[in-house]
C-alpha cells in the first residue's frame, strides 16, 4: 500500500459538521480538504471565540 486513497466524490455529515457547524459556532470559517494522502482541516476564528473567557 502506498499511502494514497481515492478522494470521495460526495461529502457526508461529518464534512458538514467540520466545515459549517464548527465555523458558525466559533463565528469563523472552517474548511476541509480531502486529498489522496491526507485530510486537511483549517479553522480561521478569533482567539477569544476558540478558547473562551475565564470565569
Protein backbone atom coordinates (compact mmCIF):
# COMPACT_ATOMS: atom_id res chain seq x y z
CA UNK A 1 0.00 0.00 0.00
CA UNK A 2 1.41 3.38 -0.99
CA UNK A 3 -0.45 5.64 1.49
CA UNK A 4 -2.87 7.13 -1.04
CA UNK A 5 -6.62 6.69 -1.32
CA UNK A 6 -9.41 7.77 -3.62
CA UNK A 7 -10.92 11.14 -2.74
CA UNK A 8 -14.67 10.73 -2.06
CA UNK A 9 -16.96 12.13 -4.74
CA UNK A 10 -19.57 13.34 -2.23
CA UNK A 11 -19.45 14.91 1.22
CA UNK A 12 -21.19 13.40 4.21
CA UNK A 13 -22.49 14.54 7.59
CA UNK A 14 -19.03 14.68 9.18
CA UNK A 15 -17.74 17.04 6.49
CA UNK A 16 -20.70 19.34 7.05
CA UNK A 17 -20.11 19.36 10.81
CA UNK A 18 -16.41 20.18 10.45
CA UNK A 19 -16.99 22.95 7.92
CA UNK A 20 -20.34 24.61 8.56
CA UNK A 21 -21.27 23.92 12.17
CA UNK A 22 -17.84 24.41 13.75
CA UNK A 23 -17.16 27.53 11.70
CA UNK A 24 -20.53 29.05 12.59
CA UNK A 25 -20.30 28.08 16.28
CA UNK A 26 -16.94 29.86 16.57
CA UNK A 27 -18.00 32.82 14.42
CA UNK A 28 -15.28 31.94 11.96
CA UNK A 29 -14.60 29.90 8.87
CA UNK A 30 -13.60 26.26 8.58
CA UNK A 31 -12.50 24.27 5.53
CA UNK A 32 -11.97 20.56 4.98
CA UNK A 33 -9.93 19.37 2.01
CA UNK A 34 -9.72 15.69 1.24
CA UNK A 35 -6.58 14.83 -0.68
CA UNK A 36 -5.23 11.46 -1.82
CA UNK A 37 -2.68 11.34 1.03
CA UNK A 38 -4.32 13.42 3.77
CA UNK A 39 -7.36 15.16 5.17
CA UNK A 40 -6.56 18.83 5.78
CA UNK A 41 -8.82 20.84 8.10
CA UNK A 42 -8.29 24.53 8.76
CA UNK A 43 -10.08 26.92 11.09
CA UNK A 44 -9.98 30.70 10.99
CA UNK A 45 -11.58 32.38 14.02
CA UNK A 46 -10.83 34.94 16.69
CA UNK A 47 -8.82 33.55 19.60
CA UNK A 48 -11.47 34.57 22.13
CA UNK A 49 -14.13 32.57 20.26
CA UNK A 50 -11.98 29.44 20.31
CA UNK A 51 -10.71 29.42 23.90
CA UNK A 52 -13.48 31.41 25.59
CA UNK A 53 -13.03 33.56 28.66
CA UNK A 54 -12.15 32.65 32.21
CA UNK A 55 -14.81 32.96 34.91
